[in-house]
């Protein structure tokens, strides 16, 4: 394998690794924003429920029956919204990472094909190392404090084999 081929493959590998790093940063941004949005939705829900409670009490109603059901419904809807924020952020951040991985692998395969046609075995002994050998598993999560949402929004850890 010629020095040019090795240089091209090295540059391609570096670009792929950089792209995945940028995607991880973008995915973490999605997670961070969803965390803020979910926290704000929780505050908004508690405030709305408090306003409802004050309104019922000011009207001379007791917090039994229909008034209590209305307040409970407010909390249920708020929790569903928080769960949806969580679900959407998980899907979006996973899609960002998946897309970056696919592009990185595609560019490496493309560069490898070019080298293979030039007569070199670019993957000899190197499979399973570096970021290609890693599954990029989720290594940390962000939780929403004391809410009972579906689960934490998951961040993405680094790669390494």
N, C-alpha and C. Protein backbone atom coordinates (compact mmCIF):
# COMPACT_ATOMS: atom_id res chain seq x y z
N UNK A 1 0.86 -1.16 0.00
CA UNK A 1 0.00 0.00 0.00
C UNK A 1 0.90 1.22 0.00
N UNK A 2 0.62 2.15 -0.88
CA UNK A 2 1.45 3.33 -1.00
C UNK A 2 1.20 4.35 0.09
N UNK A 3 2.16 5.23 0.25
CA UNK A 3 2.06 6.27 1.27
C UNK A 3 0.85 7.17 1.02
N UNK A 4 0.53 7.40 -0.26
CA UNK A 4 -0.63 8.24 -0.57
C UNK A 4 -1.92 7.58 -0.08
N UNK A 5 -2.01 6.27 -0.29
CA UNK A 5 -3.20 5.53 0.14
C UNK A 5 -3.33 5.58 1.66
N UNK A 6 -2.22 5.38 2.35
CA UNK A 6 -2.25 5.43 3.80
C UNK A 6 -2.64 6.83 4.28
N UNK A 7 -2.12 7.86 3.62
CA UNK A 7 -2.46 9.23 3.99
C UNK A 7 -3.94 9.51 3.76
N UNK A 8 -4.47 9.05 2.64
CA UNK A 8 -5.89 9.26 2.34
C UNK A 8 -6.76 8.54 3.37
N UNK A 9 -6.38 7.30 3.67
CA UNK A 9 -7.15 6.55 4.66
C UNK A 9 -7.06 7.19 6.04
N UNK A 10 -5.89 7.66 6.40
CA UNK A 10 -5.72 8.34 7.69
C UNK A 10 -6.56 9.60 7.77
N UNK A 11 -6.53 10.37 6.69
CA UNK A 11 -7.33 11.59 6.66
C UNK A 11 -8.82 11.27 6.71
N UNK A 12 -9.23 10.24 5.98
CA UNK A 12 -10.64 9.83 5.99
C UNK A 12 -11.06 9.38 7.38
N UNK A 13 -10.19 8.62 8.03
CA UNK A 13 -10.47 8.17 9.39
C UNK A 13 -10.58 9.35 10.35
N UNK A 14 -9.69 10.29 10.22
CA UNK A 14 -9.71 11.48 11.07
C UNK A 14 -10.99 12.30 10.84
N UNK A 15 -11.37 12.46 9.57
CA UNK A 15 -12.60 13.19 9.26
C UNK A 15 -13.83 12.46 9.80
N UNK A 16 -13.84 11.14 9.67
CA UNK A 16 -14.98 10.35 10.18
C UNK A 16 -15.08 10.49 11.70
N UNK A 17 -13.95 10.40 12.36
CA UNK A 17 -13.95 10.54 13.83
C UNK A 17 -14.41 11.94 14.24
N UNK A 18 -13.97 12.94 13.51
CA UNK A 18 -14.38 14.32 13.79
C UNK A 18 -15.87 14.51 13.57
N UNK A 19 -16.40 13.92 12.51
CA UNK A 19 -17.84 14.02 12.22
C UNK A 19 -18.67 13.37 13.31
N UNK A 20 -18.21 12.23 13.79
CA UNK A 20 -18.93 11.55 14.86
C UNK A 20 -18.87 12.39 16.13
N UNK A 21 -17.73 12.98 16.41
CA UNK A 21 -17.62 13.86 17.58
C UNK A 21 -18.56 15.04 17.50
N UNK A 22 -18.66 15.63 16.31
CA UNK A 22 -19.58 16.76 16.13
C UNK A 22 -21.03 16.29 16.30
N UNK A 23 -21.34 15.11 15.81
CA UNK A 23 -22.69 14.57 15.96
C UNK A 23 -23.01 14.30 17.43
N UNK A 24 -22.03 13.80 18.17
CA UNK A 24 -22.23 13.59 19.60
C UNK A 24 -22.52 14.91 20.31
N UNK A 25 -21.79 15.96 19.93
CA UNK A 25 -22.03 17.27 20.52
C UNK A 25 -23.43 17.78 20.18
N UNK A 26 -23.85 17.58 18.93
CA UNK A 26 -25.18 18.00 18.51
C UNK A 26 -26.26 17.21 19.27
N UNK A 27 -26.05 15.91 19.39
CA UNK A 27 -27.01 15.07 20.12
C UNK A 27 -27.09 15.48 21.59
N UNK A 28 -25.95 15.81 22.18
CA UNK A 28 -25.95 16.26 23.58
C UNK A 28 -26.70 17.59 23.70
N UNK A 29 -26.58 18.45 22.68
CA UNK A 29 -27.34 19.70 22.67
C UNK A 29 -28.84 19.45 22.65
N UNK A 30 -29.26 18.47 21.88
CA UNK A 30 -30.68 18.08 21.83
C UNK A 30 -31.12 17.62 23.21
N UNK A 31 -30.31 16.80 23.85
CA UNK A 31 -30.61 16.29 25.18
C UNK A 31 -30.69 17.44 26.18
N UNK A 32 -29.72 18.33 26.14
CA UNK A 32 -29.70 19.46 27.07
C UNK A 32 -30.94 20.35 26.90
N UNK A 33 -31.30 20.63 25.64
CA UNK A 33 -32.47 21.47 25.39
C UNK A 33 -33.75 20.77 25.85
N UNK A 34 -33.85 19.47 25.62
CA UNK A 34 -35.03 18.72 26.07
C UNK A 34 -35.12 18.72 27.59
N UNK A 35 -33.99 18.65 28.24
CA UNK A 35 -33.98 18.70 29.70
C UNK A 35 -34.55 20.03 30.19
N UNK A 36 -34.15 21.11 29.55
CA UNK A 36 -34.67 22.44 29.90
C UNK A 36 -36.16 22.52 29.60
N UNK A 37 -36.56 22.03 28.42
CA UNK A 37 -37.97 22.07 28.03
C UNK A 37 -38.84 21.26 28.99
N UNK A 38 -38.36 20.10 29.39
CA UNK A 38 -39.13 19.26 30.32
C UNK A 38 -39.23 19.92 31.69
N UNK A 39 -38.16 20.51 32.15
CA UNK A 39 -38.19 21.21 33.43
C UNK A 39 -39.18 22.38 33.38
N UNK A 40 -39.16 23.13 32.28
CA UNK A 40 -40.09 24.24 32.12
C UNK A 40 -41.53 23.76 32.05
N UNK A 41 -41.76 22.63 31.38
CA UNK A 41 -43.11 22.08 31.29
C UNK A 41 -43.59 21.65 32.67
N UNK A 42 -42.70 21.10 33.49
CA UNK A 42 -43.06 20.73 34.86
C UNK A 42 -43.45 21.94 35.68
N UNK A 43 -42.68 23.02 35.56
CA UNK A 43 -43.00 24.26 36.28
C UNK A 43 -44.34 24.83 35.81
N UNK A 44 -44.53 24.83 34.49
CA UNK A 44 -45.77 25.35 33.91
C UNK A 44 -46.98 24.54 34.40
N UNK A 45 -46.83 23.23 34.47
CA UNK A 45 -47.92 22.36 34.93
C UNK A 45 -48.25 22.62 36.39
N UNK A 46 -47.22 22.72 37.23
CA UNK A 46 -47.46 22.98 38.65
C UNK A 46 -48.14 24.35 38.84
N UNK A 47 -47.72 25.35 38.08
CA UNK A 47 -48.32 26.68 38.16
C UNK A 47 -49.78 26.65 37.73
N UNK A 48 -50.07 25.96 36.64
CA UNK A 48 -51.46 25.86 36.17
C UNK A 48 -52.33 25.15 37.21
N UNK A 49 -51.81 24.07 37.80
CA UNK A 49 -52.58 23.35 38.82
C UNK A 49 -52.82 24.23 40.05
N UNK A 50 -51.82 25.03 40.43
CA UNK A 50 -51.98 25.92 41.57
C UNK A 50 -53.03 26.99 41.28
N UNK A 51 -53.03 27.50 40.05
CA UNK A 51 -54.04 28.50 39.66
C UNK A 51 -55.44 27.89 39.69
N UNK A 52 -55.55 26.65 39.20
CA UNK A 52 -56.84 25.98 39.22
C UNK A 52 -57.32 25.79 40.66
N UNK A 53 -56.42 25.36 41.51
CA UNK A 53 -56.77 25.12 42.91
C UNK A 53 -57.24 26.43 43.55
N UNK A 54 -56.50 27.52 43.34
CA UNK A 54 -56.88 28.82 43.92
C UNK A 54 -58.23 29.27 43.38
N UNK A 55 -58.45 29.06 42.09
CA UNK A 55 -59.71 29.45 41.48
C UNK A 55 -60.89 28.68 42.09
N UNK A 56 -60.70 27.39 42.26
CA UNK A 56 -61.76 26.59 42.85
C UNK A 56 -62.05 27.03 44.29
N UNK A 57 -61.00 27.23 45.06
CA UNK A 57 -61.18 27.64 46.46
C UNK A 57 -61.80 29.03 46.56
N UNK A 58 -61.38 29.95 45.68
CA UNK A 58 -61.96 31.30 45.67
C UNK A 58 -63.43 31.30 45.27
N UNK A 59 -63.82 30.28 44.51
CA UNK A 59 -65.22 30.17 44.10
C UNK A 59 -66.07 29.48 45.16
N UNK A 60 -65.46 29.08 46.25
CA UNK A 60 -66.20 28.44 47.32
C UNK A 60 -66.33 26.93 47.16
N UNK A 61 -65.65 26.36 46.19
CA UNK A 61 -65.72 24.92 45.97
C UNK A 61 -64.68 24.21 46.85
N UNK A 62 -65.00 23.00 47.23
CA UNK A 62 -64.02 22.19 47.95
C UNK A 62 -63.21 21.42 46.91
N UNK A 63 -62.05 20.97 47.29
CA UNK A 63 -61.20 20.24 46.35
C UNK A 63 -61.51 18.75 46.38
N UNK A 64 -62.75 18.46 46.08
CA UNK A 64 -63.22 17.09 46.01
C UNK A 64 -63.96 16.92 44.69
N UNK A 65 -64.07 15.70 44.25
CA UNK A 65 -64.86 15.41 43.06
C UNK A 65 -64.29 16.05 41.81
N UNK A 66 -65.15 16.80 41.09
CA UNK A 66 -64.78 17.38 39.80
C UNK A 66 -63.59 18.34 39.90
N UNK A 67 -63.53 19.26 40.88
CA UNK A 67 -62.35 20.13 40.95
C UNK A 67 -61.05 19.33 41.11
N UNK A 68 -61.07 18.31 41.95
CA UNK A 68 -59.86 17.51 42.14
C UNK A 68 -59.52 16.73 40.88
N UNK A 69 -60.53 16.25 40.17
CA UNK A 69 -60.31 15.53 38.91
C UNK A 69 -59.69 16.46 37.87
N UNK A 70 -60.13 17.72 37.85
CA UNK A 70 -59.57 18.70 36.91
C UNK A 70 -58.10 18.95 37.21
N UNK A 71 -57.77 19.10 38.48
CA UNK A 71 -56.37 19.32 38.87
C UNK A 71 -55.53 18.09 38.53
N UNK A 72 -56.06 16.92 38.82
CA UNK A 72 -55.34 15.67 38.52
C UNK A 72 -55.12 15.54 37.02
N UNK A 73 -56.11 15.92 36.23
CA UNK A 73 -56.00 15.86 34.77
C UNK A 73 -54.88 16.80 34.28
N UNK A 74 -54.77 17.97 34.91
CA UNK A 74 -53.71 18.91 34.55
C UNK A 74 -52.34 18.26 34.75
N UNK A 75 -52.16 17.58 35.88
CA UNK A 75 -50.89 16.90 36.13
C UNK A 75 -50.66 15.76 35.14
N UNK A 76 -51.70 15.03 34.82
CA UNK A 76 -51.57 13.91 33.87
C UNK A 76 -51.14 14.40 32.49
N UNK A 77 -51.78 15.46 32.02
CA UNK A 77 -51.43 16.02 30.72
C UNK A 77 -50.00 16.56 30.73
N UNK A 78 -49.63 17.23 31.80
CA UNK A 78 -48.26 17.75 31.92
C UNK A 78 -47.24 16.63 31.89
N UNK A 79 -47.51 15.54 32.58
CA UNK A 79 -46.60 14.40 32.59
C UNK A 79 -46.51 13.75 31.21
N UNK A 80 -47.64 13.65 30.52
CA UNK A 80 -47.63 13.12 29.16
C UNK A 80 -46.76 13.99 28.25
N UNK A 81 -46.87 15.31 28.42
CA UNK A 81 -46.04 16.23 27.62
C UNK A 81 -44.55 16.03 27.92
N UNK A 82 -44.22 15.87 29.18
CA UNK A 82 -42.82 15.64 29.57
C UNK A 82 -42.33 14.32 28.97
N UNK A 83 -43.16 13.29 29.03
CA UNK A 83 -42.79 12.01 28.43
C UNK A 83 -42.56 12.15 26.93
N UNK A 84 -43.39 12.94 26.27
CA UNK A 84 -43.23 13.13 24.82
C UNK A 84 -41.95 13.90 24.51
N UNK A 85 -41.64 14.90 25.31
CA UNK A 85 -40.38 15.64 25.15
C UNK A 85 -39.20 14.67 25.28
N UNK A 86 -39.26 13.79 26.27
CA UNK A 86 -38.21 12.80 26.50
C UNK A 86 -38.08 11.85 25.31
N UNK A 87 -39.19 11.31 24.87
CA UNK A 87 -39.19 10.37 23.75
C UNK A 87 -38.64 11.01 22.49
N UNK A 88 -39.10 12.22 22.18
CA UNK A 88 -38.64 12.90 20.98
C UNK A 88 -37.15 13.19 21.02
N UNK A 89 -36.65 13.61 22.17
CA UNK A 89 -35.22 13.91 22.30
C UNK A 89 -34.39 12.64 22.16
N UNK A 90 -34.85 11.54 22.74
CA UNK A 90 -34.13 10.28 22.60
C UNK A 90 -34.05 9.86 21.14
N UNK A 91 -35.18 9.92 20.44
CA UNK A 91 -35.20 9.52 19.03
C UNK A 91 -34.31 10.42 18.19
N UNK A 92 -34.43 11.72 18.39
CA UNK A 92 -33.66 12.66 17.58
C UNK A 92 -32.16 12.50 17.82
N UNK A 93 -31.75 12.39 19.07
CA UNK A 93 -30.32 12.27 19.35
C UNK A 93 -29.77 10.94 18.84
N UNK A 94 -30.53 9.86 18.94
CA UNK A 94 -30.09 8.58 18.40
C UNK A 94 -29.98 8.64 16.87
N UNK A 95 -30.92 9.31 16.23
CA UNK A 95 -30.87 9.45 14.78
C UNK A 95 -29.66 10.27 14.33
N UNK A 96 -29.33 11.29 15.07
CA UNK A 96 -28.15 12.11 14.75
C UNK A 96 -26.89 11.25 14.79
N UNK A 97 -26.73 10.48 15.85
CA UNK A 97 -25.56 9.62 16.00
C UNK A 97 -25.54 8.54 14.93
N UNK A 98 -26.67 7.91 14.69
CA UNK A 98 -26.76 6.85 13.69
C UNK A 98 -26.39 7.37 12.30
N UNK A 99 -26.90 8.53 11.96
CA UNK A 99 -26.59 9.13 10.66
C UNK A 99 -25.10 9.43 10.53
N UNK A 100 -24.51 9.96 11.58
CA UNK A 100 -23.07 10.26 11.54
C UNK A 100 -22.25 8.98 11.40
N UNK A 101 -22.64 7.94 12.10
CA UNK A 101 -21.92 6.66 11.98
C UNK A 101 -22.02 6.12 10.57
N UNK A 102 -23.23 6.15 10.01
CA UNK A 102 -23.43 5.64 8.65
C UNK A 102 -22.58 6.40 7.64
N UNK A 103 -22.57 7.72 7.77
CA UNK A 103 -21.75 8.52 6.87
C UNK A 103 -20.27 8.22 7.04
N UNK A 104 -19.83 8.06 8.29
CA UNK A 104 -18.42 7.77 8.56
C UNK A 104 -18.03 6.41 7.97
N UNK A 105 -18.87 5.41 8.20
CA UNK A 105 -18.57 4.08 7.67
C UNK A 105 -18.58 4.11 6.14
N UNK A 106 -19.55 4.81 5.57
CA UNK A 106 -19.62 4.93 4.11
C UNK A 106 -18.38 5.57 3.53
N UNK A 107 -17.89 6.63 4.17
CA UNK A 107 -16.69 7.29 3.64
C UNK A 107 -15.46 6.40 3.81
N UNK A 108 -15.41 5.64 4.90
CA UNK A 108 -14.28 4.72 5.09
C UNK A 108 -14.32 3.58 4.08
N UNK A 109 -15.51 3.05 3.84
CA UNK A 109 -15.65 1.97 2.86
C UNK A 109 -15.28 2.49 1.47
N UNK A 110 -15.74 3.68 1.16
CA UNK A 110 -15.42 4.28 -0.13
C UNK A 110 -13.92 4.47 -0.30
N UNK A 111 -13.28 5.00 0.73
CA UNK A 111 -11.83 5.19 0.67
C UNK A 111 -11.13 3.83 0.62
N UNK A 112 -11.66 2.86 1.35
CA UNK A 112 -11.07 1.51 1.36
C UNK A 112 -11.21 0.83 0.02
N UNK A 113 -12.33 1.04 -0.65
CA UNK A 113 -12.54 0.45 -1.97
C UNK A 113 -11.53 1.00 -2.95
N UNK A 114 -11.31 2.29 -2.87
CA UNK A 114 -10.32 2.90 -3.75
C UNK A 114 -8.94 2.34 -3.51
N UNK A 115 -8.61 2.11 -2.26
CA UNK A 115 -7.30 1.55 -1.93
C UNK A 115 -7.22 0.09 -2.36
N UNK A 116 -8.33 -0.64 -2.19
CA UNK A 116 -8.33 -2.06 -2.56
C UNK A 116 -8.11 -2.23 -4.05
N UNK A 117 -8.72 -1.37 -4.84
CA UNK A 117 -8.52 -1.45 -6.28
C UNK A 117 -7.09 -1.08 -6.65
N UNK A 118 -6.44 -0.37 -5.77
CA UNK A 118 -5.04 -0.03 -5.99
C UNK A 118 -4.12 -1.15 -5.53
N UNK A 119 -4.67 -2.21 -4.94
CA UNK A 119 -3.87 -3.37 -4.60
C UNK A 119 -3.53 -3.50 -3.13
N UNK A 120 -4.11 -2.69 -2.26
CA UNK A 120 -3.77 -2.78 -0.84
C UNK A 120 -4.90 -3.38 -0.03
N UNK A 121 -4.56 -4.02 1.10
CA UNK A 121 -5.55 -4.53 2.03
C UNK A 121 -5.63 -3.56 3.19
N UNK A 122 -6.55 -2.61 3.12
CA UNK A 122 -6.55 -1.53 4.10
C UNK A 122 -7.02 -1.94 5.47
N UNK A 123 -7.76 -3.05 5.58
CA UNK A 123 -8.30 -3.43 6.88
C UNK A 123 -7.50 -4.56 7.52
N UNK A 124 -6.38 -4.91 6.98
CA UNK A 124 -5.60 -6.02 7.50
C UNK A 124 -5.19 -5.79 8.94
N UNK A 125 -5.72 -6.61 9.84
CA UNK A 125 -5.33 -6.56 11.24
C UNK A 125 -5.90 -5.41 12.03
N UNK A 126 -6.67 -4.54 11.42
CA UNK A 126 -7.14 -3.36 12.13
C UNK A 126 -8.60 -3.46 12.53
N UNK A 127 -9.30 -4.51 12.13
CA UNK A 127 -10.72 -4.56 12.47
C UNK A 127 -10.90 -4.72 13.97
N UNK A 128 -11.94 -4.07 14.48
CA UNK A 128 -12.23 -4.14 15.90
C UNK A 128 -11.47 -3.13 16.73
N UNK A 129 -10.74 -2.24 16.09
CA UNK A 129 -10.02 -1.24 16.87
C UNK A 129 -10.56 0.14 16.55
N UNK A 130 -10.23 1.09 17.36
CA UNK A 130 -10.69 2.47 17.13
C UNK A 130 -12.19 2.58 17.25
N UNK A 131 -12.75 3.62 16.66
CA UNK A 131 -14.18 3.82 16.85
C UNK A 131 -15.02 2.86 16.05
N UNK A 132 -14.49 2.25 15.00
CA UNK A 132 -15.27 1.28 14.24
C UNK A 132 -15.53 0.01 15.06
N UNK A 133 -14.63 -0.31 15.97
CA UNK A 133 -14.80 -1.49 16.79
C UNK A 133 -15.75 -1.26 17.94
N UNK A 134 -16.10 -0.03 18.21
CA UNK A 134 -16.98 0.31 19.32
C UNK A 134 -18.41 0.41 18.84
N UNK A 135 -19.32 0.06 19.69
CA UNK A 135 -20.73 0.22 19.35
C UNK A 135 -21.24 1.60 19.74
N UNK A 136 -20.41 2.41 20.38
CA UNK A 136 -20.83 3.76 20.75
C UNK A 136 -22.00 3.75 21.72
N UNK A 137 -21.95 2.88 22.69
CA UNK A 137 -23.09 2.74 23.59
C UNK A 137 -23.29 4.00 24.43
N UNK A 138 -24.51 4.19 24.81
CA UNK A 138 -24.85 5.32 25.65
C UNK A 138 -24.15 5.17 26.98
N UNK A 139 -23.46 6.22 27.40
CA UNK A 139 -22.68 6.09 28.63
C UNK A 139 -23.16 6.98 29.75
N UNK A 140 -24.06 7.89 29.46
CA UNK A 140 -24.57 8.73 30.54
C UNK A 140 -25.98 9.17 30.18
N UNK A 141 -26.75 9.53 31.19
CA UNK A 141 -28.11 9.99 30.97
C UNK A 141 -28.36 11.25 31.76
N UNK A 142 -29.39 11.94 31.39
CA UNK A 142 -29.79 13.14 32.10
C UNK A 142 -31.20 12.89 32.58
N UNK A 143 -31.44 13.07 33.85
CA UNK A 143 -32.75 12.79 34.40
C UNK A 143 -33.46 14.09 34.76
N UNK A 144 -34.75 14.00 34.89
CA UNK A 144 -35.59 15.15 35.17
C UNK A 144 -35.92 15.30 36.64
N UNK A 145 -34.99 15.21 37.52
CA UNK A 145 -35.27 15.44 38.93
C UNK A 145 -36.30 14.47 39.47
N UNK A 146 -37.40 15.01 40.00
CA UNK A 146 -38.39 14.17 40.67
C UNK A 146 -39.61 13.86 39.82
N UNK A 147 -39.56 14.07 38.53
CA UNK A 147 -40.71 13.72 37.72
C UNK A 147 -40.74 12.22 37.53
N UNK A 148 -41.88 11.72 37.13
CA UNK A 148 -41.96 10.29 36.88
C UNK A 148 -42.12 10.06 35.38
N UNK A 149 -41.33 10.76 34.60
CA UNK A 149 -41.35 10.59 33.15
C UNK A 149 -40.85 9.19 32.81
N UNK A 150 -41.05 8.78 31.55
CA UNK A 150 -40.71 7.44 31.11
C UNK A 150 -39.31 7.02 31.49
N UNK A 151 -38.38 7.90 31.46
CA UNK A 151 -37.00 7.55 31.75
C UNK A 151 -36.13 8.73 31.39
N UNK A 152 -34.85 8.60 31.63
CA UNK A 152 -33.97 9.73 31.36
C UNK A 152 -33.76 9.93 29.88
N UNK A 153 -33.51 11.15 29.51
CA UNK A 153 -33.05 11.41 28.16
C UNK A 153 -31.60 10.97 28.15
N UNK A 154 -31.21 10.28 27.13
CA UNK A 154 -29.89 9.68 27.15
C UNK A 154 -28.91 10.50 26.33
N UNK A 155 -27.75 10.74 26.92
CA UNK A 155 -26.67 11.41 26.21
C UNK A 155 -25.79 10.37 25.55
N UNK A 156 -24.76 10.80 24.88
CA UNK A 156 -23.92 9.88 24.16
C UNK A 156 -22.48 10.04 24.60
N UNK A 157 -21.86 8.93 24.94
CA UNK A 157 -20.47 8.94 25.37
C UNK A 157 -19.54 8.90 24.19
N UNK A 158 -18.27 8.91 24.45
CA UNK A 158 -17.27 8.87 23.39
C UNK A 158 -17.08 7.48 22.82
N UNK A 159 -16.30 7.41 21.78
CA UNK A 159 -16.02 6.14 21.13
C UNK A 159 -14.62 5.71 21.48
N UNK A 160 -14.38 4.45 21.43
CA UNK A 160 -13.04 3.91 21.64
C UNK A 160 -13.12 2.41 21.73
N UNK A 161 -12.14 1.74 21.22
CA UNK A 161 -12.24 0.28 21.16
C UNK A 161 -11.36 -0.42 22.11
